[in-house]
Amino acid sequence: MSFRITVTDHDDIGFDCEEDETVLDAADRAGYAIPYSCRKGVCSSCEGGIAAGEAMVRGQGVQAGPAEGVKLCQARPLTDLQITPRIQKVEPVERKTLEAKVRKITRPAPDVAVIQFRLPIGQRAPFRAGQYLRVVMEDGDSRNYSMANPPQKNDGIELHIRHVPGGKFSEQVLSKLDKGQFLTVELPYGEFCLSDNDDMNAVLLATGTGFAPIKSLIENQIALGAERPLKLYWGVNTEADLYMADVAARWAAAHPWISFTPVISSPSDGWDGRTGFVHRAVLEDIPDMSNVEVYACGAPVMIDAARSEFEAEAGLAKDRFFSDAFVASGDEE
């Protein structure tokens, strides 16, 4: 059985959704983009409303219209639905599954590995800056990682992977991975991409390896010759966690429309830069966010705090906060 999904205020948008399919997956299949990141009901990127109809939403139960804050990545229709998401028509996603060859592995920080992959000769993997891929392991389980390279360099892939104690990939697989070996990757996924609102300042907010998709976004803007003001704030625990601070500093030095502010939560005695919570540093610098878009990537707790406090204290519009929460991926919750 399938149900019809229509969109309030968009008479030209409608698509079918199978009863065992989520609204997000059905929209994706039909060529419509709803913002999303984790697909697990954690990050809230895909939240929208139900104007009419009923859906079973994992973690939220049965939701009947009118209802707000519905996680569309977990919503399976029980009836025809009329929804109120952020949505736009896009080219249908053409995902590729490729065998990527390890070209180089470096460890710029004690718990971070940067892996450079080369794709087979003649093959490319088109994606948009800010998107992520799935690494598929031998048993079929997978892990999600953001591409750190810009889309102009899509004959290869750059991943930044933080070591997770006991992690199935970051510890068990990565510890045995070496130059010349292959991994199966599937891409692209995600909608963590810069909007076309070039007249607005963009605050790029990262924690830890959330720097990876931000790197892709910035290097893409540089390659395009854009000059949209980008304000990068990178929050980490210690100085050693700023594993590519030199790269970010070079961007800021070479391009006056880019600024870089590192923020340390547990600094050494020798650190003379910003300290504390990274999102609070943003609020100190930008108390009025009426003409700002925010792109936050990394720890879910930072993303939740930034979203609520930016809206409450700085007047950030709800539809100008975009996020990519790094949550557990694959079969193991």
C-alpha atoms as a PDB file:
ATOM      1  CA  MET A   1       0.000   0.000   0.000  1.00  0.00           C
ATOM      2  CA  SER A   2       1.195   3.506  -0.757  1.00  0.00           C
ATOM      3  CA  PHE A   3       0.043   6.903   0.434  1.00  0.00           C
ATOM      4  CA  ARG A   4       0.069  10.302  -1.227  1.00  0.00           C
ATOM      5  CA  ILE A   5       2.242  13.030   0.302  1.00  0.00           C
ATOM      6  CA  THR A   6       1.453  16.643  -0.543  1.00  0.00           C
ATOM      7  CA  VAL A   7       3.074  19.853   0.694  1.00  0.00           C
ATOM      8  CA  THR A   8       1.290  22.871   2.123  1.00  0.00           C
ATOM      9  CA  ASP A   9       1.774  26.011  -0.011  1.00  0.00           C
ATOM     10  CA  HIS A  10       3.388  23.942  -2.799  1.00  0.00           C
ATOM     11  CA  ASP A  11       0.614  22.717  -5.090  1.00  0.00           C
ATOM     12  CA  ASP A  12       3.181  21.436  -7.579  1.00  0.00           C
ATOM     13  CA  ILE A  13       4.900  19.096  -5.098  1.00  0.00           C
ATOM     14  CA  GLY A  14       3.516  15.644  -4.424  1.00  0.00           C
ATOM     15  CA  PHE A  15       4.861  12.104  -4.280  1.00  0.00           C
ATOM     16  CA  ASP A  16       3.938   8.592  -3.230  1.00  0.00           C
ATOM     17  CA  CYS A  17       5.262   6.945  -0.079  1.00  0.00           C
ATOM     18  CA  GLU A  18       5.091   3.234   0.649  1.00  0.00           C
ATOM     19  CA  GLU A  19       3.726   2.243   4.045  1.00  0.00           C
ATOM     20  CA  ASP A  20       7.116   0.853   5.160  1.00  0.00           C
ATOM     21  CA  GLU A  21       9.037   3.850   3.770  1.00  0.00           C
ATOM     22  CA  THR A  22       9.891   7.075   5.557  1.00  0.00           C
ATOM     23  CA  VAL A  23       8.674  10.404   4.219  1.00  0.00           C
ATOM     24  CA  LEU A  24      12.302  11.518   3.857  1.00  0.00           C
ATOM     25  CA  ASP A  25      13.252   8.463   1.776  1.00  0.00           C
ATOM     26  CA  ALA A  26      10.174   8.847  -0.419  1.00  0.00           C
ATOM     27  CA  ALA A  27      10.936  12.523  -1.063  1.00  0.00           C
ATOM     28  CA  ASP A  28      14.542  11.649  -1.883  1.00  0.00           C
ATOM     29  CA  ARG A  29      13.431   8.956  -4.318  1.00  0.00           C
ATOM     30  CA  ALA A  30      11.027  11.379  -6.015  1.00  0.00           C
ATOM     31  CA  GLY A  31      13.690  14.052  -6.528  1.00  0.00           C
ATOM     32  CA  TYR A  32      12.827  16.406  -3.672  1.00  0.00           C
ATOM     33  CA  ALA A  33      15.351  17.567  -1.082  1.00  0.00           C
ATOM     34  CA  ILE A  34      14.384  17.829   2.582  1.00  0.00           C
ATOM     35  CA  PRO A  35      17.322  18.850   4.799  1.00  0.00           C
ATOM     36  CA  TYR A  36      18.715  15.886   6.723  1.00  0.00           C
ATOM     37  CA  SER A  37      21.881  14.627   8.306  1.00  0.00           C
ATOM     38  CA  CYS A  38      21.846  11.604  10.601  1.00  0.00           C
ATOM     39  CA  ARG A  39      18.698   9.780   9.370  1.00  0.00           C
ATOM     40  CA  LYS A  40      18.355   8.433  12.920  1.00  0.00           C
ATOM     41  CA  GLY A  41      16.001  10.986  14.467  1.00  0.00           C
ATOM     42  CA  VAL A  42      18.758  12.611  16.509  1.00  0.00           C
ATOM     43  CA  CYS A  43      19.902  15.773  14.734  1.00  0.00           C
ATOM     44  CA  SER A  44      16.471  17.349  14.035  1.00  0.00           C
ATOM     45  CA  SER A  45      17.613  18.638  10.625  1.00  0.00           C
ATOM     46  CA  CYS A  46      14.612  17.091   8.877  1.00  0.00           C
ATOM     47  CA  GLU A  47      11.958  18.295  11.314  1.00  0.00           C
ATOM     48  CA  GLY A  48       8.763  19.524   9.713  1.00  0.00           C
ATOM     49  CA  GLY A  49       5.056  19.611  10.353  1.00  0.00           C
ATOM     50  CA  ILE A  50       2.047  17.461   9.544  1.00  0.00           C
ATOM     51  CA  ALA A  51      -0.887  19.625   8.502  1.00  0.00           C
ATOM     52  CA  ALA A  52      -3.272  16.725   7.899  1.00  0.00           C
ATOM     53  CA  GLY A  53      -3.153  12.952   8.181  1.00  0.00           C
ATOM     54  CA  GLU A  54      -1.396  10.536  10.506  1.00  0.00           C
ATOM     55  CA  ALA A  55       2.064   8.990  10.635  1.00  0.00           C
ATOM     56  CA  MET A  56       3.901   6.613  12.916  1.00  0.00           C
ATOM     57  CA  VAL A  57       7.113   8.328  13.971  1.00  0.00           C
ATOM     58  CA  ARG A  58       9.788   6.297  15.698  1.00  0.00           C
ATOM     59  CA  GLY A  59      10.565   7.948  19.021  1.00  0.00           C
ATOM     60  CA  GLN A  60       7.496  10.186  18.818  1.00  0.00           C
ATOM     61  CA  GLY A  61       4.646   7.717  18.381  1.00  0.00           C
ATOM     62  CA  VAL A  62       1.591   8.400  16.227  1.00  0.00           C
ATOM     63  CA  GLN A  63       1.534  12.007  15.061  1.00  0.00           C
ATOM     64  CA  ALA A  64      -1.716  13.437  13.715  1.00  0.00           C
ATOM     65  CA  GLY A  65      -2.081  16.798  12.018  1.00  0.00           C
ATOM     66  CA  PRO A  66      -1.763  19.521  12.971  1.00  0.00           C
ATOM     67  CA  ALA A  67       1.588  18.625  14.520  1.00  0.00           C
ATOM     68  CA  GLU A  68       4.979  20.332  14.567  1.00  0.00           C
ATOM     69  CA  GLY A  69       8.502  19.099  15.173  1.00  0.00           C
ATOM     70  CA  VAL A  70       7.918  15.806  13.364  1.00  0.00           C
ATOM     71  CA  LYS A  71      11.108  13.959  12.429  1.00  0.00           C
ATOM     72  CA  LEU A  72      10.434  13.114   8.816  1.00  0.00           C
ATOM     73  CA  CYS A  73      13.354  10.674   8.635  1.00  0.00           C
ATOM     74  CA  GLN A  74      11.419   8.500  11.105  1.00  0.00           C
ATOM     75  CA  ALA A  75       7.865   9.169   9.874  1.00  0.00           C
ATOM     76  CA  ARG A  76       5.985   6.383   8.073  1.00  0.00           C
ATOM     77  CA  PRO A  77       2.494   7.322   6.843  1.00  0.00           C
ATOM     78  CA  LEU A  78      -0.631   5.691   8.182  1.00  0.00           C
ATOM     79  CA  THR A  79      -2.837   7.774   5.845  1.00  0.00           C
ATOM     80  CA  ASP A  80      -2.303  10.276   3.052  1.00  0.00           C
ATOM     81  CA  LEU A  81      -0.310  13.186   4.478  1.00  0.00           C
ATOM     82  CA  GLN A  82      -0.078  16.912   3.997  1.00  0.00           C
ATOM     83  CA  ILE A  83       3.278  18.087   5.352  1.00  0.00           C
ATOM     84  CA  THR A  84       5.045  21.403   5.951  1.00  0.00           C
ATOM     85  CA  PRO A  85       8.801  20.820   5.580  1.00  0.00           C
ATOM     86  CA  ARG A  86      11.622  22.798   4.070  1.00  0.00           C
ATOM     87  CA  ILE A  87      11.670  21.209   0.632  1.00  0.00           C
ATOM     88  CA  GLN A  88      12.894  21.902  -2.883  1.00  0.00           C
ATOM     89  CA  LYS A  89      13.067  20.161  -6.230  1.00  0.00           C
ATOM     90  CA  VAL A  90      16.505  18.797  -7.058  1.00  0.00           C
ATOM     91  CA  GLU A  91      18.043  16.540  -9.635  1.00  0.00           C
ATOM     92  CA  PRO A  92      17.443  12.902  -8.706  1.00  0.00           C
ATOM     93  CA  VAL A  93      20.290  11.564  -6.595  1.00  0.00           C
ATOM     94  CA  GLU A  94      22.646   9.329  -8.551  1.00  0.00           C
ATOM     95  CA  ARG A  95      24.552   7.409  -5.919  1.00  0.00           C
ATOM     96  CA  LYS A  96      27.596   5.371  -6.816  1.00  0.00           C
ATOM     97  CA  THR A  97      29.199   2.413  -5.127  1.00  0.00           C
ATOM     98  CA  LEU A  98      32.948   2.430  -5.753  1.00  0.00           C
ATOM     99  CA  GLU A  99      36.101   0.653  -4.678  1.00  0.00           C
ATOM    100  CA  ALA A 100      38.346   3.378  -3.302  1.00  0.00           C
ATOM    101  CA  LYS A 101      42.073   2.713  -2.983  1.00  0.00           C
ATOM    102  CA  VAL A 102      43.973   4.036   0.027  1.00  0.00           C
ATOM    103  CA  ARG A 103      46.648   6.428  -1.210  1.00  0.00           C
ATOM    104  CA  LYS A 104      47.823   7.876   2.084  1.00  0.00           C
ATOM    105  CA  ILE A 105      47.020   7.776   5.814  1.00  0.00           C
ATOM    106  CA  THR A 106      48.274  10.488   8.172  1.00  0.00           C
ATOM    107  CA  ARG A 107      47.561  11.100  11.838  1.00  0.00           C
ATOM    108  CA  PRO A 108      47.700  14.862  12.470  1.00  0.00           C
ATOM    109  CA  ALA A 109      46.364  14.409  16.018  1.00  0.00           C
ATOM    110  CA  PRO A 110      46.618  11.483  18.447  1.00  0.00           C
ATOM    111  CA  ASP A 111      43.024  10.390  17.844  1.00  0.00           C
ATOM    112  CA  VAL A 112      42.428  11.620  14.265  1.00  0.00           C
ATOM    113  CA  ALA A 113      43.308   9.862  11.012  1.00  0.00           C
ATOM    114  CA  VAL A 114      43.151  11.590   7.630  1.00  0.00           C
ATOM    115  CA  ILE A 115      42.708   9.107   4.790  1.00  0.00           C
ATOM    116  CA  GLN A 116      43.302  10.034   1.151  1.00  0.00           C
ATOM    117  CA  PHE A 117      41.649   7.693  -1.376  1.00  0.00           C
ATOM    118  CA  ARG A 118      42.135   7.405  -5.117  1.00  0.00           C
ATOM    119  CA  LEU A 119      39.228   6.248  -7.271  1.00  0.00           C
ATOM    120  CA  PRO A 120      39.678   3.827 -10.202  1.00  0.00           C
ATOM    121  CA  ILE A 121      41.139   5.448 -13.322  1.00  0.00           C
ATOM    122  CA  GLY A 122      38.441   7.196 -15.323  1.00  0.00           C
ATOM    123  CA  GLN A 123      35.893   7.185 -12.480  1.00  0.00           C
ATOM    124  CA  ARG A 124      34.698  10.188 -10.536  1.00  0.00           C
ATOM    125  CA  ALA A 125      32.298  10.570  -7.647  1.00  0.00           C
ATOM    126  CA  PRO A 126      30.258  13.778  -8.065  1.00  0.00           C
ATOM    127  CA  PHE A 127      28.975  15.294  -4.832  1.00  0.00           C
ATOM    128  CA  ARG A 128      28.116  18.673  -3.352  1.00  0.00           C
ATOM    129  CA  ALA A 129      30.343  20.325  -0.782  1.00  0.00           C
ATOM    130  CA  GLY A 130      29.210  19.292   2.702  1.00  0.00           C
ATOM    131  CA  GLN A 131      27.840  15.865   1.792  1.00  0.00           C
ATOM    132  CA  TYR A 132      28.931  12.531   3.242  1.00  0.00           C
ATOM    133  CA  LEU A 133      29.490   8.926   2.163  1.00  0.00           C
ATOM    134  CA  ARG A 134      29.009   5.477   3.615  1.00  0.00           C
ATOM    135  CA  VAL A 135      31.947   3.144   4.102  1.00  0.00           C
ATOM    136  CA  VAL A 136      30.585  -0.386   3.633  1.00  0.00           C
ATOM    137  CA  MET A 137      32.429  -3.082   5.570  1.00  0.00           C
ATOM    138  CA  GLU A 138      32.801  -6.736   4.636  1.00  0.00           C
ATOM    139  CA  ASP A 139      29.804  -7.847   6.719  1.00  0.00           C
ATOM    140  CA  GLY A 140      27.566  -5.225   5.098  1.00  0.00           C
ATOM    141  CA  ASP A 141      27.558  -2.867   8.082  1.00  0.00           C
ATOM    142  CA  SER A 142      28.436   0.747   7.288  1.00  0.00           C
ATOM    143  CA  ARG A 143      29.724   3.983   8.773  1.00  0.00           C
ATOM    144  CA  ASN A 144      29.076   7.549   7.644  1.00  0.00           C
ATOM    145  CA  TYR A 145      31.905  10.058   7.078  1.00  0.00           C
ATOM    146  CA  SER A 146      31.864  13.512   5.509  1.00  0.00           C
ATOM    147  CA  MET A 147      34.023  14.253   2.494  1.00  0.00           C
ATOM    148  CA  ALA A 148      36.660  16.851   3.376  1.00  0.00           C
ATOM    149  CA  ASN A 149      37.842  17.482  -0.192  1.00  0.00           C
ATOM    150  CA  PRO A 150      36.044  19.980  -2.441  1.00  0.00           C
ATOM    151  CA  PRO A 151      33.796  18.603  -5.214  1.00  0.00           C
ATOM    152  CA  GLN A 152      36.201  19.903  -7.859  1.00  0.00           C
ATOM    153  CA  LYS A 153      38.578  17.111  -6.760  1.00  0.00           C
ATOM    154  CA  ASN A 154      36.134  14.235  -7.142  1.00  0.00           C
ATOM    155  CA  ASP A 155      38.627  11.767  -8.580  1.00  0.00           C
ATOM    156  CA  GLY A 156      39.605  11.103  -4.976  1.00  0.00           C
ATOM    157  CA  ILE A 157      38.195  11.263  -1.458  1.00  0.00           C
ATOM    158  CA  GLU A 158      39.502  12.728   1.793  1.00  0.00           C
ATOM    159  CA  LEU A 159      38.057  11.540   5.116  1.00  0.00           C
ATOM    160  CA  HIS A 160      38.800  12.733   8.669  1.00  0.00           C
ATOM    161  CA  ILE A 161      38.124   9.933  11.140  1.00  0.00           C
ATOM    162  CA  ARG A 162      38.230  10.267  14.905  1.00  0.00           C
ATOM    163  CA  HIS A 163      39.203   7.187  16.889  1.00  0.00           C
ATOM    164  CA  VAL A 164      36.314   5.847  18.978  1.00  0.00           C
ATOM    165  CA  PRO A 165      37.351   3.322  21.663  1.00  0.00           C
ATOM    166  CA  GLY A 166      35.953  -0.031  20.583  1.00  0.00           C
ATOM    167  CA  GLY A 167      34.689   1.462  17.318  1.00  0.00           C
ATOM    168  CA  LYS A 168      33.976  -1.167  14.700  1.00  0.00           C
ATOM    169  CA  PHE A 169      35.538   0.882  11.916  1.00  0.00           C
ATOM    170  CA  SER A 170      37.682   3.548  13.588  1.00  0.00           C
ATOM    171  CA  GLU A 171      39.461   0.972  15.750  1.00  0.00           C
ATOM    172  CA  GLN A 172      38.992  -2.503  14.314  1.00  0.00           C
ATOM    173  CA  VAL A 173      39.193  -1.747  10.574  1.00  0.00           C
ATOM    174  CA  LEU A 174      41.288   1.425  10.501  1.00  0.00           C
ATOM    175  CA  SER A 175      44.037  -0.081  12.662  1.00  0.00           C
ATOM    176  CA  LYS A 176      44.683  -2.678   9.930  1.00  0.00           C
ATOM    177  CA  LEU A 177      44.182  -0.396   6.944  1.00  0.00           C
ATOM    178  CA  ASP A 178      47.250   0.386   4.865  1.00  0.00           C
ATOM    179  CA  LYS A 179      48.280   2.090   1.647  1.00  0.00           C
ATOM    180  CA  GLY A 180      47.111   0.201  -1.433  1.00  0.00           C
ATOM    181  CA  GLN A 181      44.133  -1.474   0.213  1.00  0.00           C
ATOM    182  CA  PHE A 182      40.552  -0.897  -0.925  1.00  0.00           C
ATOM    183  CA  LEU A 183      37.349   0.146   0.803  1.00  0.00           C
ATOM    184  CA  THR A 184      33.829   0.086  -0.615  1.00  0.00           C
ATOM    185  CA  VAL A 185      32.153   3.481  -0.460  1.00  0.00           C
ATOM    186  CA  GLU A 186      28.680   4.655  -1.417  1.00  0.00           C
ATOM    187  CA  LEU A 187      27.949   8.321  -2.089  1.00  0.00           C
ATOM    188  CA  PRO A 188      26.650  10.959  -1.917  1.00  0.00           C
ATOM    189  CA  TYR A 189      24.307  11.488   1.029  1.00  0.00           C
ATOM    190  CA  GLY A 190      23.209  14.555   2.985  1.00  0.00           C
ATOM    191  CA  GLU A 191      21.981  18.098   2.458  1.00  0.00           C
ATOM    192  CA  PHE A 192      24.518  20.011   4.570  1.00  0.00           C
ATOM    193  CA  CYS A 193      25.279  22.464   1.770  1.00  0.00           C
ATOM    194  CA  LEU A 194      25.568  26.244   1.580  1.00  0.00           C
ATOM    195  CA  SER A 195      22.460  28.051   0.403  1.00  0.00           C
ATOM    196  CA  ASP A 196      22.395  30.590  -2.420  1.00  0.00           C
ATOM    197  CA  ASN A 197      21.829  33.473   0.013  1.00  0.00           C
ATOM    198  CA  ASP A 198      25.143  35.128  -0.824  1.00  0.00           C
ATOM    199  CA  ASP A 199      24.079  38.429   0.736  1.00  0.00           C
ATOM    200  CA  MET A 200      24.062  36.820   4.202  1.00  0.00           C
ATOM    201  CA  ASN A 201      27.051  36.167   6.422  1.00  0.00           C
ATOM    202  CA  ALA A 202      27.579  32.442   6.947  1.00  0.00           C
ATOM    203  CA  VAL A 203      28.778  31.232  10.336  1.00  0.00           C
ATOM    204  CA  LEU A 204      30.507  27.860  10.006  1.00  0.00           C
ATOM    205  CA  LEU A 205      30.563  26.162  13.395  1.00  0.00           C
ATOM    206  CA  ALA A 206      32.485  22.918  13.973  1.00  0.00           C
ATOM    207  CA  THR A 207      33.606  20.699  16.807  1.00  0.00           C
ATOM    208  CA  GLY A 208      36.285  18.018  16.414  1.00  0.00           C
ATOM    209  CA  THR A 209      36.218  16.295  13.035  1.00  0.00           C
ATOM    210  CA  GLY A 210      33.114  18.284  12.199  1.00  0.00           C
ATOM    211  CA  PHE A 211      35.791  20.398  10.541  1.00  0.00           C
ATOM    212  CA  ALA A 212      35.806  17.927   7.599  1.00  0.00           C
ATOM    213  CA  PRO A 213      32.631  19.043   5.752  1.00  0.00           C
ATOM    214  CA  ILE A 214      33.383  22.661   6.663  1.00  0.00           C
ATOM    215  CA  LYS A 215      36.729  22.262   4.891  1.00  0.00           C
ATOM    216  CA  SER A 216      34.900  21.018   1.792  1.00  0.00           C
ATOM    217  CA  LEU A 217      32.475  23.972   1.924  1.00  0.00           C
ATOM    218  CA  ILE A 218      35.236  26.567   2.230  1.00  0.00           C
ATOM    219  CA  GLU A 219      37.529  25.077  -0.403  1.00  0.00           C
ATOM    220  CA  ASN A 220      34.581  24.856  -2.784  1.00  0.00           C
ATOM    221  CA  GLN A 221      33.837  28.565  -2.289  1.00  0.00           C
ATOM    222  CA  ILE A 222      37.491  29.399  -2.921  1.00  0.00           C
ATOM    223  CA  ALA A 223      37.521  27.284  -6.096  1.00  0.00           C
ATOM    224  CA  LEU A 224      34.357  29.018  -7.333  1.00  0.00           C
ATOM    225  CA  GLY A 225      35.851  32.461  -6.779  1.00  0.00           C
ATOM    226  CA  ALA A 226      33.045  33.368  -4.387  1.00  0.00           C
ATOM    227  CA  GLU A 227      33.425  36.104  -1.800  1.00  0.00           C
ATOM    228  CA  ARG A 228      30.522  35.407   0.525  1.00  0.00           C
ATOM    229  CA  PRO A 229      31.630  36.274   4.083  1.00  0.00           C
ATOM    230  CA  LEU A 230      32.442  33.025   5.932  1.00  0.00           C
ATOM    231  CA  LYS A 231      33.151  33.084   9.663  1.00  0.00           C
ATOM    232  CA  LEU A 232      34.679  29.800  10.831  1.00  0.00           C
ATOM    233  CA  TYR A 233      34.616  28.852  14.523  1.00  0.00           C
ATOM    234  CA  TRP A 234      36.284  25.558  15.419  1.00  0.00           C
ATOM    235  CA  GLY A 235      35.802  24.243  18.952  1.00  0.00           C
ATOM    236  CA  VAL A 236      38.005  21.499  20.411  1.00  0.00           C
ATOM    237  CA  ASN A 237      39.166  20.216  23.797  1.00  0.00           C
ATOM    238  CA  THR A 238      42.902  20.924  23.548  1.00  0.00           C
ATOM    239  CA  GLU A 239      45.328  22.631  21.185  1.00  0.00           C
ATOM    240  CA  ALA A 240      46.379  19.242  19.778  1.00  0.00           C
ATOM    241  CA  ASP A 241      42.814  18.714  18.512  1.00  0.00           C
ATOM    242  CA  LEU A 242      43.187  21.632  16.068  1.00  0.00           C
ATOM    243  CA  TYR A 243      44.700  19.174  13.646  1.00  0.00           C
ATOM    244  CA  MET A 244      44.465  21.445  10.576  1.00  0.00           C
ATOM    245  CA  ALA A 245      44.630  24.876  12.164  1.00  0.00           C
ATOM    246  CA  ASP A 246      47.412  25.825   9.754  1.00  0.00           C
ATOM    247  CA  VAL A 247      45.097  25.140   6.790  1.00  0.00           C
ATOM    248  CA  ALA A 248      42.324  27.312   8.241  1.00  0.00           C
ATOM    249  CA  ALA A 249      44.787  30.073   9.084  1.00  0.00           C
ATOM    250  CA  ARG A 250      46.045  30.100   5.477  1.00  0.00           C
ATOM    251  CA  TRP A 251      42.489  30.480   4.182  1.00  0.00           C
ATOM    252  CA  ALA A 252      41.933  33.500   6.423  1.00  0.00           C
ATOM    253  CA  ALA A 253      45.271  35.049   5.489  1.00  0.00           C
ATOM    254  CA  ALA A 254      44.703  34.666   1.743  1.00  0.00           C
ATOM    255  CA  HIS A 255      41.014  35.622   1.570  1.00  0.00           C
ATOM    256  CA  PRO A 256      39.658  38.676   3.446  1.00  0.00           C
ATOM    257  CA  TRP A 257      36.122  37.267   3.308  1.00  0.00           C
ATOM    258  CA  ILE A 258      37.133  34.296   5.489  1.00  0.00           C
ATOM    259  CA  SER A 259      37.801  34.558   9.228  1.00  0.00           C
ATOM    260  CA  PHE A 260      38.969  31.789  11.560  1.00  0.00           C
ATOM    261  CA  THR A 261      38.464  31.613  15.312  1.00  0.00           C
ATOM    262  CA  PRO A 262      39.694  28.529  17.199  1.00  0.00           C
ATOM    263  CA  VAL A 263      38.118  27.948  20.625  1.00  0.00           C
ATOM    264  CA  ILE A 264      39.628  25.625  23.271  1.00  0.00           C
ATOM    265  CA  SER A 265      37.521  24.226  26.108  1.00  0.00           C
ATOM    266  CA  SER A 266      40.446  22.784  28.140  1.00  0.00           C
ATOM    267  CA  PRO A 267      43.419  24.984  27.216  1.00  0.00           C
ATOM    268  CA  SER A 268      46.978  24.713  28.428  1.00  0.00           C
ATOM    269  CA  ASP A 269      48.568  27.532  30.384  1.00  0.00           C
ATOM    270  CA  GLY A 270      50.242  28.721  27.204  1.00  0.00           C
ATOM    271  CA  TRP A 271      47.048  29.198  25.178  1.00  0.00           C
ATOM    272  CA  ASP A 272      46.183  32.877  24.716  1.00  0.00           C
ATOM    273  CA  GLY A 273      43.196  32.468  22.362  1.00  0.00           C
ATOM    274  CA  ARG A 274      39.476  32.038  22.920  1.00  0.00           C
ATOM    275  CA  THR A 275      38.261  29.515  25.502  1.00  0.00           C
ATOM    276  CA  GLY A 276      35.015  27.897  26.627  1.00  0.00           C
ATOM    277  CA  PHE A 277      32.080  26.680  24.573  1.00  0.00           C
ATOM    278  CA  VAL A 278      32.496  27.439  20.892  1.00  0.00           C
ATOM    279  CA  HIS A 279      28.881  28.497  20.345  1.00  0.00           C
ATOM    280  CA  ARG A 280      29.182  31.039  23.165  1.00  0.00           C
ATOM    281  CA  ALA A 281      32.182  32.569  21.399  1.00  0.00           C
ATOM    282  CA  VAL A 282      29.955  33.043  18.355  1.00  0.00           C
ATOM    283  CA  LEU A 283      27.307  34.779  20.465  1.00  0.00           C
ATOM    284  CA  GLU A 284      29.904  37.095  21.974  1.00  0.00           C
ATOM    285  CA  ASP A 285      31.050  38.148  18.498  1.00  0.00           C
ATOM    286  CA  ILE A 286      27.659  38.186  16.755  1.00  0.00           C
ATOM    287  CA  PRO A 287      24.907  39.148  19.230  1.00  0.00           C
ATOM    288  CA  ASP A 288      22.518  39.999  16.369  1.00  0.00           C
ATOM    289  CA  MET A 289      21.941  37.129  13.925  1.00  0.00           C
ATOM    290  CA  SER A 290      19.054  38.647  12.000  1.00  0.00           C
ATOM    291  CA  ASN A 291      21.121  38.569   8.800  1.00  0.00           C
ATOM    292  CA  VAL A 292      23.073  35.364   9.416  1.00  0.00           C
ATOM    293  CA  GLU A 293      22.927  31.722   8.372  1.00  0.00           C
ATOM    294  CA  VAL A 294      24.537  29.127  10.633  1.00  0.00           C
ATOM    295  CA  TYR A 295      26.037  25.824   9.511  1.00  0.00           C
ATOM    296  CA  ALA A 296      26.903  23.670  12.531  1.00  0.00           C
ATOM    297  CA  CYS A 297      28.656  20.327  12.349  1.00  0.00           C
ATOM    298  CA  GLY A 298      29.938  17.921  14.993  1.00  0.00           C
ATOM    299  CA  ALA A 299      28.741  16.975  18.464  1.00  0.00           C
ATOM    300  CA  PRO A 300      24.933  16.826  18.858  1.00  0.00           C
ATOM    301  CA  VAL A 301      25.123  18.572  22.251  1.00  0.00           C
ATOM    302  CA  MET A 302      26.842  21.572  20.644  1.00  0.00           C
ATOM    303  CA  ILE A 303      24.332  21.660  17.806  1.00  0.00           C
ATOM    304  CA  ASP A 304      21.357  21.554  20.173  1.00  0.00           C
ATOM    305  CA  ALA A 305      22.791  24.297  22.377  1.00  0.00           C
ATOM    306  CA  ALA A 306      23.728  26.494  19.422  1.00  0.00           C
ATOM    307  CA  ARG A 307      20.310  26.160  17.805  1.00  0.00           C
ATOM    308  CA  SER A 308      18.319  27.017  20.927  1.00  0.00           C
ATOM    309  CA  GLU A 309      20.583  29.804  22.208  1.00  0.00           C
ATOM    310  CA  PHE A 310      21.113  31.458  18.829  1.00  0.00           C
ATOM    311  CA  GLU A 311      17.344  31.627  18.322  1.00  0.00           C
ATOM    312  CA  ALA A 312      16.566  32.784  21.871  1.00  0.00           C
ATOM    313  CA  GLU A 313      19.414  35.251  22.396  1.00  0.00           C
ATOM    314  CA  ALA A 314      20.416  36.487  18.941  1.00  0.00           C
ATOM    315  CA  GLY A 315      17.190  36.315  16.951  1.00  0.00           C
ATOM    316  CA  LEU A 316      18.365  33.670  14.472  1.00  0.00           C
ATOM    317  CA  ALA A 317      15.486  32.535  12.262  1.00  0.00           C
ATOM    318  CA  LYS A 318      14.662  28.826  12.616  1.00  0.00           C
ATOM    319  CA  ASP A 319      15.035  28.218   8.888  1.00  0.00           C
ATOM    320  CA  ARG A 320      18.557  29.699   8.834  1.00  0.00           C
ATOM    321  CA  PHE A 321      20.147  27.046  11.051  1.00  0.00           C
ATOM    322  CA  PHE A 322      21.589  24.051   9.196  1.00  0.00           C
ATOM    323  CA  SER A 323      23.291  21.163  10.926  1.00  0.00           C
ATOM    324  CA  ASP A 324      25.108  17.891  10.475  1.00  0.00           C
ATOM    325  CA  ALA A 325      25.194  16.024  13.781  1.00  0.00           C
ATOM    326  CA  PHE A 326      27.851  13.343  14.095  1.00  0.00           C
ATOM    327  CA  VAL A 327      25.919  10.459  15.626  1.00  0.00           C
ATOM    328  CA  ALA A 328      26.531   6.713  15.594  1.00  0.00           C
ATOM    329  CA  SER A 329      25.946   5.182  12.151  1.00  0.00           C
ATOM    330  CA  GLY A 330      25.565   1.690  10.776  1.00  0.00           C
ATOM    331  CA  ASP A 331      23.715  -1.307  12.173  1.00  0.00           C
ATOM    332  CA  GLU A 332      24.796  -0.779  15.773  1.00  0.00           C
ATOM    333  CA  GLU A 333      22.808   1.967  17.485  1.00  0.00           C
END
